[in-house]
Each structure stands twice: as C-alpha cells, then as structure tokens.
Amino acid sequence: MQAVILVGGFGTRLRPLTYTTPKPLLPVANVPLLEHIIAALSTADVTEVVLALGFKPEPFLAAFPDGMCAGVSLRYAVEPHPMDTAGAVGFAARYAAINDTFIVVNGDILTDLDVRALVDFHRQQRAVATLHLTPVEDPSQFGVVETNDSGVVQRFLEKPQAHETTSRSVNAGTYVLEPSVLDHIPIDQSLSIERVVFPALVATGSLSAMSTDDYWIDTGRPETYLKANLDLIDGSRSRILASVAAQAHIAGTAVVTHSVVGDGCQIGGGAIISDSVLLPGAVVDSGARVEASIVMGHIGQGATVTDCVIGIDGRVDPRTTHVGEKIPDPATL
C-alpha cells in the first residue's frame, strides 16, 4: 500500500525552530516526527510513502540518504507552487502513479491510531474516502463532523455552538482514499480537501468516518510539540522512549527532570532542566535554569528561561530572565 504525507507547510507556529529544521524532521523524544508517522503507517502494510513537499527536498534527503525511513521507501513530490491540501494530495498521488486504495496523513499529527483498522473499516464501508475522527472536550474550537449510525458522514460544522450539535468528533488528519477521489481534484490547482472535496463527497453519501479515542496530538504549536515529547517519556503513550540521548554531556551536579535531552547537548554544573526539550546541540551553561521550554541554542550561565522557544541562533545572556519569549523573535526577522 502507498501513503501520502502532507509535509508542505512552513511550520510558522514553531518558528524559530523551523528556520533551520523542517517541522517533520524535528525530533520527538529523539526520533524525527516523520519517522514516528511512517513507523505507524508501516503497521498497515504501507511500503511506500510519498512526501508532498512545498519546497526543496534536500533536508529530507540528508536525513534519509538511503531513501528509506522505518523500513518504508520514500519518494518526493515537490509542488510547483502552493497547492493547499487537496492540490497537494492530487499532485503527489499522480506523481507516484497511485492507482489503488491509499492513505493520507497530515505531517504534524502523532497518534496511536490502529491504521490497519481504519483501512479495514474503509473497505467494509465501500466508501470513496474515510476520515479518522477524534473526540475533543470543546467542539466550539474545531470543525466538527457528524455521522449517522453506520459511519457515513452527514455534515461538517465549523466551530459550532453547544445547541447546534451533539457531536464532539473532529477531523484527526488521517484519511483512507480511493483513487477516484482524484476526479474531484483538478490537475495543478490549489484546493482544500477539507473545505471542498470532503463536502462534495458528503453530498453523494460516499464519505465515511471512524471515531476512536486513541492518543492524538497536533504537534504544530510550541506547547503541543513540547507535550508530544514529554508524553513519550512519562508513560502517557503506549510506549516509552529514552529521554536522554547517548551522546549528551551532562555535568554530575546538573539536575534533569521530566525532560528530553538530544545528542550533543551540553549541560553545565548546577544547571536545572525541568519539563523541557533540549534539541541536539543545545548548550545550557552552569547554574542556568530551563523550565517548560524548547531549546536549540545557548543558555548562558545563571540565566533562567521559562515557557520559551530558543532557536539555533538564540543566545540567552548570562544571569538574565526570560518568560514566554521566542529567541530570536520571528517578528523581527
């Protein structure tokens, strides 16, 4: 089976991290986000993944030089211009000559969904397309999906009020599609699959959906990217990964709690790291304190950062305090 992963976004909300590393290649518990996604797809017998890219593939080629990830072969479909979600799916599927049932995944989603079960449900439904749905506490902040008792989608409601629907299910960003979906996607046009293609399928009764309450998170914001990392080290997920990379250098008097530390990180004596992610190569000097933050750059001696995002060029001066900042500030770049 083939799959398309939508990785064409610019990762704007995760800047300054994504100035130097594409969002799908940012590590989650020291494993690239993309590798997590592809490993899950491999359990559903996916043997080839097509990356729908909006820009150059060079960082991905460098990350996976043998053209393989998690035992799955990779192909790169680089869009000639921004094509939105449906346009990207259509371009990638045609590029890879997909002519059978295939899977589409948004490239910033992590979930414990049983992908094989979603494919099986899709085939039982004899649907043209099937969505994975996940429940949310506050549907008024999302686009809600309503289905009948058979799992056929009835309508979409964008940010509904409480009296408008009893559904709490939202689009979770994993789809199973038949090649006939491409008939709804004009060649070389920018088009939204969520706002145009899926509503068109609802009108013909050919769109189904399966709701599950598996672990699910959109990693596209600093706070959710941080949470996705910590969830993989504290037992919130079905598996637990190592929190400290083998090549990290941590002084004996440093204290690291509930945090992820990447390869090549240096943590000085007396430093305190808590509820944070230090990405590969980050430096935290002696006596510094890092709390609930994501760090690529350099934290100076005795400095304190809380709820911050520090890019690879970010430098926090010694004995300064920073709360809720992005360094360097993307607004000034």
C-alpha atoms as a PDB file:
ATOM      1  CA  MET A   1       0.000   0.000   0.000  1.00  0.00           C
ATOM      2  CA  GLN A   2       1.086   3.586  -0.662  1.00  0.00           C
ATOM      3  CA  ALA A   3       0.641   6.651   1.530  1.00  0.00           C
ATOM      4  CA  VAL A   4       0.943  10.404   1.073  1.00  0.00           C
ATOM      5  CA  ILE A   5       2.199  12.544   3.943  1.00  0.00           C
ATOM      6  CA  LEU A   6       1.480  16.277   3.739  1.00  0.00           C
ATOM      7  CA  VAL A   7       4.698  17.998   4.774  1.00  0.00           C
ATOM      8  CA  GLY A   8       4.478  21.157   2.697  1.00  0.00           C
ATOM      9  CA  GLY A   9       3.822  23.640   5.488  1.00  0.00           C
ATOM     10  CA  PHE A  10       6.376  26.205   6.620  1.00  0.00           C
ATOM     11  CA  GLY A  11       6.000  25.433  10.336  1.00  0.00           C
ATOM     12  CA  THR A  12       5.243  29.081  11.053  1.00  0.00           C
ATOM     13  CA  ARG A  13       3.918  28.477  14.552  1.00  0.00           C
ATOM     14  CA  LEU A  14       7.098  26.636  15.555  1.00  0.00           C
ATOM     15  CA  ARG A  15       9.493  29.375  14.497  1.00  0.00           C
ATOM     16  CA  PRO A  16      12.346  29.970  15.229  1.00  0.00           C
ATOM     17  CA  LEU A  17      12.908  26.175  15.418  1.00  0.00           C
ATOM     18  CA  THR A  18      11.733  25.655  11.851  1.00  0.00           C
ATOM     19  CA  TYR A  19      14.042  28.268  10.355  1.00  0.00           C
ATOM     20  CA  THR A  20      16.753  25.603  10.337  1.00  0.00           C
ATOM     21  CA  THR A  21      14.845  22.311  10.575  1.00  0.00           C
ATOM     22  CA  PRO A  22      11.645  21.418   8.677  1.00  0.00           C
ATOM     23  CA  LYS A  23       8.865  20.621  11.124  1.00  0.00           C
ATOM     24  CA  PRO A  24       8.586  16.927  10.116  1.00  0.00           C
ATOM     25  CA  LEU A  25      12.276  16.463  10.933  1.00  0.00           C
ATOM     26  CA  LEU A  26      12.098  17.966  14.411  1.00  0.00           C
ATOM     27  CA  PRO A  27      12.734  15.169  16.911  1.00  0.00           C
ATOM     28  CA  VAL A  28      10.069  13.889  19.263  1.00  0.00           C
ATOM     29  CA  ALA A  29      11.801  12.042  22.088  1.00  0.00           C
ATOM     30  CA  ASN A  30      14.951  11.971  19.923  1.00  0.00           C
ATOM     31  CA  VAL A  31      13.226  10.391  16.907  1.00  0.00           C
ATOM     32  CA  PRO A  32      12.175  12.575  13.937  1.00  0.00           C
ATOM     33  CA  LEU A  33       8.444  13.317  13.875  1.00  0.00           C
ATOM     34  CA  LEU A  34       8.290  11.935  10.348  1.00  0.00           C
ATOM     35  CA  GLU A  35       9.788   8.629  11.471  1.00  0.00           C
ATOM     36  CA  HIS A  36       7.091   8.239  14.134  1.00  0.00           C
ATOM     37  CA  ILE A  37       4.399   8.755  11.492  1.00  0.00           C
ATOM     38  CA  ILE A  38       5.933   6.377   8.958  1.00  0.00           C
ATOM     39  CA  ALA A  39       6.534   3.677  11.573  1.00  0.00           C
ATOM     40  CA  ALA A  40       2.808   3.766  12.360  1.00  0.00           C
ATOM     41  CA  LEU A  41       1.944   3.518   8.653  1.00  0.00           C
ATOM     42  CA  SER A  42       4.215   0.511   8.262  1.00  0.00           C
ATOM     43  CA  THR A  43       1.929  -1.449  10.599  1.00  0.00           C
ATOM     44  CA  ALA A  44      -0.801  -1.142   7.938  1.00  0.00           C
ATOM     45  CA  ASP A  45       1.439  -2.682   5.253  1.00  0.00           C
ATOM     46  CA  VAL A  46       2.472   0.652   3.756  1.00  0.00           C
ATOM     47  CA  THR A  47       5.603   0.006   1.715  1.00  0.00           C
ATOM     48  CA  GLU A  48       5.995   3.398   0.002  1.00  0.00           C
ATOM     49  CA  VAL A  49       5.429   6.910   1.287  1.00  0.00           C
ATOM     50  CA  VAL A  50       5.204   9.936  -0.973  1.00  0.00           C
ATOM     51  CA  LEU A  51       6.171  13.168   0.792  1.00  0.00           C
ATOM     52  CA  ALA A  52       4.078  16.051  -0.529  1.00  0.00           C
ATOM     53  CA  LEU A  53       6.579  18.904  -0.255  1.00  0.00           C
ATOM     54  CA  GLY A  54       6.109  22.598  -0.803  1.00  0.00           C
ATOM     55  CA  PHE A  55       9.828  23.312  -1.079  1.00  0.00           C
ATOM     56  CA  LYS A  56      13.168  21.634  -1.675  1.00  0.00           C
ATOM     57  CA  PRO A  57      13.636  18.035  -0.521  1.00  0.00           C
ATOM     58  CA  GLU A  58      17.327  18.404   0.393  1.00  0.00           C
ATOM     59  CA  PRO A  59      16.881  18.286   4.216  1.00  0.00           C
ATOM     60  CA  PHE A  60      14.847  15.093   3.861  1.00  0.00           C
ATOM     61  CA  LEU A  61      17.392  13.546   1.501  1.00  0.00           C
ATOM     62  CA  ALA A  62      20.100  14.331   4.044  1.00  0.00           C
ATOM     63  CA  ALA A  63      18.055  12.846   6.901  1.00  0.00           C
ATOM     64  CA  PHE A  64      17.272   9.639   4.971  1.00  0.00           C
ATOM     65  CA  PRO A  65      20.141   9.239   2.492  1.00  0.00           C
ATOM     66  CA  ASP A  66      19.228   5.660   1.574  1.00  0.00           C
ATOM     67  CA  GLY A  67      15.668   6.662   0.633  1.00  0.00           C
ATOM     68  CA  MET A  68      14.214   4.606   3.475  1.00  0.00           C
ATOM     69  CA  CYS A  69      12.530   5.519   6.762  1.00  0.00           C
ATOM     70  CA  ALA A  70      11.277   2.982   9.301  1.00  0.00           C
ATOM     71  CA  GLY A  71      11.661   0.279   6.664  1.00  0.00           C
ATOM     72  CA  VAL A  72       9.475   2.150   4.153  1.00  0.00           C
ATOM     73  CA  SER A  73      10.717   3.609   0.866  1.00  0.00           C
ATOM     74  CA  LEU A  74      10.389   7.354   0.290  1.00  0.00           C
ATOM     75  CA  ARG A  75       9.515   9.420  -2.768  1.00  0.00           C
ATOM     76  CA  TYR A  76       9.420  13.201  -3.001  1.00  0.00           C
ATOM     77  CA  ALA A  77       6.698  15.148  -4.797  1.00  0.00           C
ATOM     78  CA  VAL A  78       7.774  18.811  -4.802  1.00  0.00           C
ATOM     79  CA  GLU A  79       4.856  21.082  -5.666  1.00  0.00           C
ATOM     80  CA  PRO A  80       5.494  23.717  -8.363  1.00  0.00           C
ATOM     81  CA  HIS A  81       3.500  26.238  -6.295  1.00  0.00           C
ATOM     82  CA  PRO A  82       1.447  26.178  -3.051  1.00  0.00           C
ATOM     83  CA  MET A  83      -1.448  23.810  -3.733  1.00  0.00           C
ATOM     84  CA  ASP A  84      -3.344  23.548  -0.412  1.00  0.00           C
ATOM     85  CA  THR A  85      -4.258  20.129   0.966  1.00  0.00           C
ATOM     86  CA  ALA A  86      -6.301  18.655  -1.906  1.00  0.00           C
ATOM     87  CA  GLY A  87      -3.962  20.032  -4.541  1.00  0.00           C
ATOM     88  CA  ALA A  88      -1.006  18.540  -2.671  1.00  0.00           C
ATOM     89  CA  VAL A  89      -2.692  15.137  -2.403  1.00  0.00           C
ATOM     90  CA  GLY A  90      -3.614  15.174  -6.078  1.00  0.00           C
ATOM     91  CA  PHE A  91      -0.145  16.226  -7.177  1.00  0.00           C
ATOM     92  CA  ALA A  92       1.606  13.616  -5.022  1.00  0.00           C
ATOM     93  CA  ALA A  93      -0.768  10.784  -5.962  1.00  0.00           C
ATOM     94  CA  ARG A  94      -0.406  11.484  -9.686  1.00  0.00           C
ATOM     95  CA  TYR A  95       3.361  11.884  -9.351  1.00  0.00           C
ATOM     96  CA  ALA A  96       3.585   8.430  -7.748  1.00  0.00           C
ATOM     97  CA  ALA A  97       1.028   6.908 -10.145  1.00  0.00           C
ATOM     98  CA  ILE A  98      -1.170   5.769  -7.253  1.00  0.00           C
ATOM     99  CA  ASN A  99      -3.975   3.605  -8.654  1.00  0.00           C
ATOM    100  CA  ASP A 100      -5.264   1.743  -5.588  1.00  0.00           C
ATOM    101  CA  THR A 101      -6.549   2.489  -2.094  1.00  0.00           C
ATOM    102  CA  PHE A 102      -4.081   4.799  -0.330  1.00  0.00           C
ATOM    103  CA  ILE A 103      -3.604   6.609   2.971  1.00  0.00           C
ATOM    104  CA  VAL A 104      -3.112  10.332   3.552  1.00  0.00           C
ATOM    105  CA  VAL A 105      -1.689  11.739   6.778  1.00  0.00           C
ATOM    106  CA  ASN A 106      -1.159  15.316   7.919  1.00  0.00           C
ATOM    107  CA  GLY A 107       2.546  15.588   8.712  1.00  0.00           C
ATOM    108  CA  ASP A 108       2.189  17.190  12.133  1.00  0.00           C
ATOM    109  CA  ILE A 109      -0.077  14.568  13.754  1.00  0.00           C
ATOM    110  CA  LEU A 110       1.023  11.936  16.261  1.00  0.00           C
ATOM    111  CA  THR A 111      -1.490   9.269  17.197  1.00  0.00           C
ATOM    112  CA  ASP A 112      -1.756   5.714  18.473  1.00  0.00           C
ATOM    113  CA  LEU A 113      -4.489   5.020  15.928  1.00  0.00           C
ATOM    114  CA  ASP A 114      -4.583   1.459  14.563  1.00  0.00           C
ATOM    115  CA  VAL A 115      -4.153   2.440  10.910  1.00  0.00           C
ATOM    116  CA  ARG A 116      -4.898  -1.076   9.696  1.00  0.00           C
ATOM    117  CA  ALA A 117      -8.274  -0.943  11.491  1.00  0.00           C
ATOM    118  CA  LEU A 118      -9.077   2.327   9.696  1.00  0.00           C
ATOM    119  CA  VAL A 119      -8.271   0.726   6.327  1.00  0.00           C
ATOM    120  CA  ASP A 120     -10.428  -2.292   7.166  1.00  0.00           C
ATOM    121  CA  PHE A 121     -13.329  -0.043   8.190  1.00  0.00           C
ATOM    122  CA  HIS A 122     -12.986   1.918   4.948  1.00  0.00           C
ATOM    123  CA  ARG A 123     -13.223  -1.267   2.884  1.00  0.00           C
ATOM    124  CA  GLN A 124     -16.206  -2.536   4.843  1.00  0.00           C
ATOM    125  CA  GLN A 125     -17.962   0.768   4.215  1.00  0.00           C
ATOM    126  CA  ARG A 126     -17.213   0.606   0.481  1.00  0.00           C
ATOM    127  CA  ALA A 127     -16.541   4.320   0.810  1.00  0.00           C
ATOM    128  CA  VAL A 128     -14.712   6.608  -1.585  1.00  0.00           C
ATOM    129  CA  ALA A 129     -12.998   8.238   1.386  1.00  0.00           C
ATOM    130  CA  THR A 130     -12.844   7.596   5.126  1.00  0.00           C
ATOM    131  CA  LEU A 131     -11.750  10.002   7.846  1.00  0.00           C
ATOM    132  CA  HIS A 132     -10.300   9.261  11.243  1.00  0.00           C
ATOM    133  CA  LEU A 133     -12.142  11.267  13.907  1.00  0.00           C
ATOM    134  CA  THR A 134     -11.086  12.031  17.456  1.00  0.00           C
ATOM    135  CA  PRO A 135     -13.178  13.456  20.329  1.00  0.00           C
ATOM    136  CA  VAL A 136     -12.408  16.861  21.851  1.00  0.00           C
ATOM    137  CA  GLU A 137     -13.571  18.482  25.073  1.00  0.00           C
ATOM    138  CA  ASP A 138     -14.633  21.775  23.484  1.00  0.00           C
ATOM    139  CA  PRO A 139     -16.052  21.294  19.957  1.00  0.00           C
ATOM    140  CA  SER A 140     -16.641  25.052  19.593  1.00  0.00           C
ATOM    141  CA  GLN A 141     -12.931  25.469  18.801  1.00  0.00           C
ATOM    142  CA  PHE A 142     -12.905  22.975  15.914  1.00  0.00           C
ATOM    143  CA  GLY A 143     -14.625  21.823  12.760  1.00  0.00           C
ATOM    144  CA  VAL A 144     -16.993  19.114  13.972  1.00  0.00           C
ATOM    145  CA  VAL A 145     -18.013  16.056  11.933  1.00  0.00           C
ATOM    146  CA  GLU A 146     -21.453  14.436  12.237  1.00  0.00           C
ATOM    147  CA  THR A 147     -22.067  10.842  11.127  1.00  0.00           C
ATOM    148  CA  ASN A 148     -25.061   8.520  11.117  1.00  0.00           C
ATOM    149  CA  ASP A 149     -25.135   5.204  12.986  1.00  0.00           C
ATOM    150  CA  SER A 150     -23.477   3.486  10.012  1.00  0.00           C
ATOM    151  CA  GLY A 151     -20.475   5.816  10.000  1.00  0.00           C
ATOM    152  CA  VAL A 152     -21.496   7.802   6.918  1.00  0.00           C
ATOM    153  CA  VAL A 153     -20.657  11.495   7.256  1.00  0.00           C
ATOM    154  CA  GLN A 154     -23.734  13.730   7.273  1.00  0.00           C
ATOM    155  CA  ARG A 155     -22.271  17.201   7.609  1.00  0.00           C
ATOM    156  CA  PHE A 156     -19.409  19.396   8.826  1.00  0.00           C
ATOM    157  CA  LEU A 157     -19.928  22.246  11.281  1.00  0.00           C
ATOM    158  CA  GLU A 158     -17.204  24.844  11.785  1.00  0.00           C
ATOM    159  CA  LYS A 159     -16.822  25.912  15.444  1.00  0.00           C
ATOM    160  CA  PRO A 160     -20.422  25.086  16.415  1.00  0.00           C
ATOM    161  CA  GLN A 161     -22.275  26.422  19.437  1.00  0.00           C
ATOM    162  CA  ALA A 162     -23.461  23.917  22.044  1.00  0.00           C
ATOM    163  CA  HIS A 163     -27.052  23.871  20.761  1.00  0.00           C
ATOM    164  CA  GLU A 164     -26.042  23.158  17.163  1.00  0.00           C
ATOM    165  CA  THR A 165     -24.751  19.584  17.523  1.00  0.00           C
ATOM    166  CA  THR A 166     -24.211  16.751  19.961  1.00  0.00           C
ATOM    167  CA  SER A 167     -21.049  15.610  18.167  1.00  0.00           C
ATOM    168  CA  ARG A 168     -17.645  16.056  19.803  1.00  0.00           C
ATOM    169  CA  SER A 169     -15.749  14.406  16.951  1.00  0.00           C
ATOM    170  CA  VAL A 170     -13.287  16.339  14.803  1.00  0.00           C
ATOM    171  CA  ASN A 171     -11.164  15.533  11.762  1.00  0.00           C
ATOM    172  CA  ALA A 172      -7.993  13.892  13.110  1.00  0.00           C
ATOM    173  CA  GLY A 173      -5.917  14.211   9.930  1.00  0.00           C
ATOM    174  CA  THR A 174      -5.630  10.592   8.729  1.00  0.00           C
ATOM    175  CA  TYR A 175      -7.617   9.514   5.657  1.00  0.00           C
ATOM    176  CA  VAL A 176      -8.082   6.413   3.540  1.00  0.00           C
ATOM    177  CA  LEU A 177      -8.891   7.316  -0.068  1.00  0.00           C
ATOM    178  CA  GLU A 178      -9.797   5.591  -3.290  1.00  0.00           C
ATOM    179  CA  PRO A 179      -8.096   6.789  -6.495  1.00  0.00           C
ATOM    180  CA  SER A 180     -11.489   8.085  -7.696  1.00  0.00           C
ATOM    181  CA  VAL A 181     -11.082  10.937  -5.189  1.00  0.00           C
ATOM    182  CA  LEU A 182      -8.658  12.418  -7.702  1.00  0.00           C
ATOM    183  CA  ASP A 183     -11.624  13.040 -10.025  1.00  0.00           C
ATOM    184  CA  HIS A 184     -12.626  15.785  -7.572  1.00  0.00           C
ATOM    185  CA  ILE A 185      -9.167  17.410  -7.647  1.00  0.00           C
ATOM    186  CA  PRO A 186      -8.350  19.357 -10.819  1.00  0.00           C
ATOM    187  CA  ILE A 187      -4.778  18.963 -12.030  1.00  0.00           C
ATOM    188  CA  ASP A 188      -2.339  21.672 -10.912  1.00  0.00           C
ATOM    189  CA  GLN A 189      -4.904  23.666  -8.923  1.00  0.00           C
ATOM    190  CA  SER A 190      -4.834  24.868  -5.334  1.00  0.00           C
ATOM    191  CA  LEU A 191      -7.769  23.322  -3.477  1.00  0.00           C
ATOM    192  CA  SER A 192      -8.693  22.362   0.096  1.00  0.00           C
ATOM    193  CA  ILE A 193      -9.597  18.745   0.751  1.00  0.00           C
ATOM    194  CA  GLU A 194     -11.376  19.680   3.979  1.00  0.00           C
ATOM    195  CA  ARG A 195     -13.445  22.588   2.644  1.00  0.00           C
ATOM    196  CA  VAL A 196     -14.138  21.449  -0.930  1.00  0.00           C
ATOM    197  CA  VAL A 197     -13.516  17.766  -1.626  1.00  0.00           C
ATOM    198  CA  PHE A 198     -14.956  16.202   1.523  1.00  0.00           C
ATOM    199  CA  PRO A 199     -18.198  18.254   1.456  1.00  0.00           C
ATOM    200  CA  ALA A 200     -18.641  17.212  -2.189  1.00  0.00           C
ATOM    201  CA  LEU A 201     -18.367  13.550  -1.124  1.00  0.00           C
ATOM    202  CA  VAL A 202     -20.890  14.115   1.684  1.00  0.00           C
ATOM    203  CA  ALA A 203     -23.389  15.222  -0.944  1.00  0.00           C
ATOM    204  CA  THR A 204     -23.086  11.835  -2.662  1.00  0.00           C
ATOM    205  CA  GLY A 205     -23.063   9.781   0.577  1.00  0.00           C
ATOM    206  CA  SER A 206     -19.608   8.394  -0.204  1.00  0.00           C
ATOM    207  CA  LEU A 207     -17.642   9.807   2.749  1.00  0.00           C
ATOM    208  CA  SER A 208     -17.353   7.694   5.911  1.00  0.00           C
ATOM    209  CA  ALA A 209     -15.636   8.272   9.229  1.00  0.00           C
ATOM    210  CA  MET A 210     -14.360   6.161  12.109  1.00  0.00           C
ATOM    211  CA  SER A 211     -14.008   7.724  15.538  1.00  0.00           C
ATOM    212  CA  THR A 212     -11.524   6.417  18.112  1.00  0.00           C
ATOM    213  CA  ASP A 213     -10.337   7.675  21.460  1.00  0.00           C
ATOM    214  CA  ASP A 214      -6.664   6.831  20.880  1.00  0.00           C
ATOM    215  CA  TYR A 215      -3.852   9.154  21.863  1.00  0.00           C
ATOM    216  CA  TRP A 216      -3.816  12.052  19.385  1.00  0.00           C
ATOM    217  CA  ILE A 217      -1.949  15.350  19.265  1.00  0.00           C
ATOM    218  CA  ASP A 218      -1.254  18.085  16.709  1.00  0.00           C
ATOM    219  CA  THR A 219       2.428  18.914  17.207  1.00  0.00           C
ATOM    220  CA  GLY A 220       2.328  22.157  15.227  1.00  0.00           C
ATOM    221  CA  ARG A 221       2.476  24.583  18.173  1.00  0.00           C
ATOM    222  CA  PRO A 222       5.286  25.004  20.720  1.00  0.00           C
ATOM    223  CA  GLU A 223       3.135  23.868  23.642  1.00  0.00           C
ATOM    224  CA  THR A 224       1.861  20.766  21.838  1.00  0.00           C
ATOM    225  CA  TYR A 225       5.279  19.922  20.396  1.00  0.00           C
ATOM    226  CA  LEU A 226       6.662  20.078  23.927  1.00  0.00           C
ATOM    227  CA  LYS A 227       3.813  17.918  25.229  1.00  0.00           C
ATOM    228  CA  ALA A 228       4.298  15.335  22.456  1.00  0.00           C
ATOM    229  CA  ASN A 229       7.919  14.915  23.560  1.00  0.00           C
ATOM    230  CA  LEU A 230       7.151  14.609  27.247  1.00  0.00           C
ATOM    231  CA  ASP A 231       4.258  12.210  26.624  1.00  0.00           C
ATOM    232  CA  LEU A 232       6.734   9.734  25.143  1.00  0.00           C
ATOM    233  CA  ILE A 233       8.898   9.633  28.252  1.00  0.00           C
ATOM    234  CA  ASP A 234       6.376   9.691  31.108  1.00  0.00           C
ATOM    235  CA  GLY A 235       4.005   6.845  30.282  1.00  0.00           C
ATOM    236  CA  SER A 236       1.232   8.826  28.605  1.00  0.00           C
ATOM    237  CA  ARG A 237       1.754   6.838  25.399  1.00  0.00           C
ATOM    238  CA  SER A 238       1.534   3.140  24.696  1.00  0.00           C
ATOM    239  CA  ARG A 239       5.347   3.054  24.510  1.00  0.00           C
ATOM    240  CA  ILE A 240       8.139   4.887  26.318  1.00  0.00           C
ATOM    241  CA  LEU A 241      11.324   6.159  24.651  1.00  0.00           C
ATOM    242  CA  ALA A 242      14.654   7.148  26.155  1.00  0.00           C
ATOM    243  CA  SER A 243      14.701  10.723  27.400  1.00  0.00           C
ATOM    244  CA  VAL A 244      18.467  11.376  27.238  1.00  0.00           C
ATOM    245  CA  ALA A 245      20.480  10.708  24.069  1.00  0.00           C
ATOM    246  CA  ALA A 246      23.635   8.663  24.380  1.00  0.00           C
ATOM    247  CA  GLN A 247      25.899  11.474  23.182  1.00  0.00           C
ATOM    248  CA  ALA A 248      24.605  14.158  25.566  1.00  0.00           C
ATOM    249  CA  HIS A 249      27.059  15.615  28.083  1.00  0.00           C
ATOM    250  CA  ILE A 250      25.521  16.326  31.493  1.00  0.00           C
ATOM    251  CA  ALA A 251      27.556  17.536  34.462  1.00  0.00           C
ATOM    252  CA  GLY A 252      27.274  15.411  37.588  1.00  0.00           C
ATOM    253  CA  THR A 253      25.759  18.261  39.597  1.00  0.00           C
ATOM    254  CA  ALA A 254      23.123  19.152  36.988  1.00  0.00           C
ATOM    255  CA  VAL A 255      19.511  18.138  37.632  1.00  0.00           C
ATOM    256  CA  VAL A 256      17.345  16.965  34.719  1.00  0.00           C
ATOM    257  CA  THR A 257      13.712  16.027  35.422  1.00  0.00           C
ATOM    258  CA  HIS A 258      10.847  15.149  33.058  1.00  0.00           C
ATOM    259  CA  SER A 259      12.789  16.399  30.044  1.00  0.00           C
ATOM    260  CA  VAL A 260      14.214  15.247  26.728  1.00  0.00           C
ATOM    261  CA  VAL A 261      17.906  15.842  26.011  1.00  0.00           C
ATOM    262  CA  GLY A 262      19.220  15.393  22.462  1.00  0.00           C
ATOM    263  CA  ASP A 263      22.565  14.263  21.052  1.00  0.00           C
ATOM    264  CA  GLY A 264      25.457  16.650  21.553  1.00  0.00           C
ATOM    265  CA  CYS A 265      23.695  18.701  24.223  1.00  0.00           C
ATOM    266  CA  GLN A 266      25.895  20.158  26.954  1.00  0.00           C
ATOM    267  CA  ILE A 267      24.514  20.857  30.417  1.00  0.00           C
ATOM    268  CA  GLY A 268      26.803  22.548  32.917  1.00  0.00           C
ATOM    269  CA  GLY A 269      27.229  22.011  36.633  1.00  0.00           C
ATOM    270  CA  GLY A 270      24.334  23.075  38.843  1.00  0.00           C
ATOM    271  CA  ALA A 271      22.015  23.641  35.889  1.00  0.00           C
ATOM    272  CA  ILE A 272      18.372  22.652  36.375  1.00  0.00           C
ATOM    273  CA  ILE A 273      16.289  21.369  33.459  1.00  0.00           C
ATOM    274  CA  SER A 274      12.619  20.538  34.005  1.00  0.00           C
ATOM    275  CA  ASP A 275       9.630  19.821  31.731  1.00  0.00           C
ATOM    276  CA  SER A 276      11.689  20.854  28.718  1.00  0.00           C
ATOM    277  CA  VAL A 277      13.159  19.668  25.418  1.00  0.00           C
ATOM    278  CA  LEU A 278      16.800  20.310  24.593  1.00  0.00           C
ATOM    279  CA  LEU A 279      17.247  19.666  20.895  1.00  0.00           C
ATOM    280  CA  PRO A 280      20.517  18.254  19.507  1.00  0.00           C
ATOM    281  CA  GLY A 281      23.471  20.566  20.123  1.00  0.00           C
ATOM    282  CA  ALA A 282      21.778  22.813  22.693  1.00  0.00           C
ATOM    283  CA  VAL A 283      24.027  24.268  25.414  1.00  0.00           C
ATOM    284  CA  VAL A 284      22.961  25.147  28.942  1.00  0.00           C
ATOM    285  CA  ASP A 285      25.746  26.705  30.976  1.00  0.00           C
ATOM    286  CA  SER A 286      26.378  26.180  34.675  1.00  0.00           C
ATOM    287  CA  GLY A 287      23.771  27.412  37.122  1.00  0.00           C
ATOM    288  CA  ALA A 288      21.163  28.083  34.442  1.00  0.00           C
ATOM    289  CA  ARG A 289      17.522  27.060  34.852  1.00  0.00           C
ATOM    290  CA  VAL A 290      15.310  25.886  31.981  1.00  0.00           C
ATOM    291  CA  GLU A 291      11.620  25.244  32.655  1.00  0.00           C
ATOM    292  CA  ALA A 292       8.824  24.250  30.225  1.00  0.00           C
ATOM    293  CA  SER A 293      10.944  25.380  27.278  1.00  0.00           C
ATOM    294  CA  ILE A 294      12.299  24.164  23.941  1.00  0.00           C
ATOM    295  CA  VAL A 295      15.960  24.945  23.338  1.00  0.00           C
ATOM    296  CA  MET A 296      18.135  24.675  20.232  1.00  0.00           C
ATOM    297  CA  GLY A 297      20.582  27.444  21.098  1.00  0.00           C
ATOM    298  CA  HIS A 298      22.683  28.570  24.073  1.00  0.00           C
ATOM    299  CA  ILE A 299      21.534  29.440  27.595  1.00  0.00           C
ATOM    300  CA  GLY A 300      24.140  31.493  29.440  1.00  0.00           C
ATOM    301  CA  GLN A 301      25.490  30.936  32.924  1.00  0.00           C
ATOM    302  CA  GLY A 302      22.940  31.554  35.676  1.00  0.00           C
ATOM    303  CA  ALA A 303      20.167  32.527  33.241  1.00  0.00           C
ATOM    304  CA  THR A 304      16.543  31.464  33.693  1.00  0.00           C
ATOM    305  CA  VAL A 305      14.143  30.690  30.848  1.00  0.00           C
ATOM    306  CA  THR A 306      10.535  29.651  31.378  1.00  0.00           C
ATOM    307  CA  ASP A 307       7.980  28.802  28.700  1.00  0.00           C
ATOM    308  CA  CYS A 308      10.400  29.905  25.963  1.00  0.00           C
ATOM    309  CA  VAL A 309      11.400  28.712  22.495  1.00  0.00           C
ATOM    310  CA  ILE A 310      15.086  29.228  21.726  1.00  0.00           C
ATOM    311  CA  GLY A 311      16.170  28.754  18.101  1.00  0.00           C
ATOM    312  CA  ILE A 312      19.547  27.531  16.939  1.00  0.00           C
ATOM    313  CA  ASP A 313      20.806  31.137  16.726  1.00  0.00           C
ATOM    314  CA  GLY A 314      19.210  32.059  20.044  1.00  0.00           C
ATOM    315  CA  ARG A 315      21.584  33.249  22.736  1.00  0.00           C
ATOM    316  CA  VAL A 316      20.390  33.948  26.261  1.00  0.00           C
ATOM    317  CA  ASP A 317      22.796  36.209  28.111  1.00  0.00           C
ATOM    318  CA  PRO A 318      24.183  35.109  31.472  1.00  0.00           C
ATOM    319  CA  ARG A 319      22.108  35.924  34.580  1.00  0.00           C
ATOM    320  CA  THR A 320      19.083  37.147  32.622  1.00  0.00           C
ATOM    321  CA  THR A 321      15.475  36.025  32.999  1.00  0.00           C
ATOM    322  CA  HIS A 322      13.087  35.298  30.128  1.00  0.00           C
ATOM    323  CA  VAL A 323       9.444  34.201  30.290  1.00  0.00           C
ATOM    324  CA  GLY A 324       7.212  33.322  27.346  1.00  0.00           C
ATOM    325  CA  GLU A 325       9.669  34.523  24.688  1.00  0.00           C
ATOM    326  CA  LYS A 326      10.830  33.290  21.306  1.00  0.00           C
ATOM    327  CA  ILE A 327      14.559  33.947  20.783  1.00  0.00           C
ATOM    328  CA  PRO A 328      15.340  35.151  18.188  1.00  0.00           C
ATOM    329  CA  ASP A 329      11.907  36.735  17.853  1.00  0.00           C
ATOM    330  CA  PRO A 330      10.412  35.699  14.467  1.00  0.00           C
ATOM    331  CA  ALA A 331       8.571  39.022  14.314  1.00  0.00           C
ATOM    332  CA  THR A 332      11.888  40.847  13.962  1.00  0.00           C
ATOM    333  CA  LEU A 333      13.390  38.592  11.283  1.00  0.00           C
END
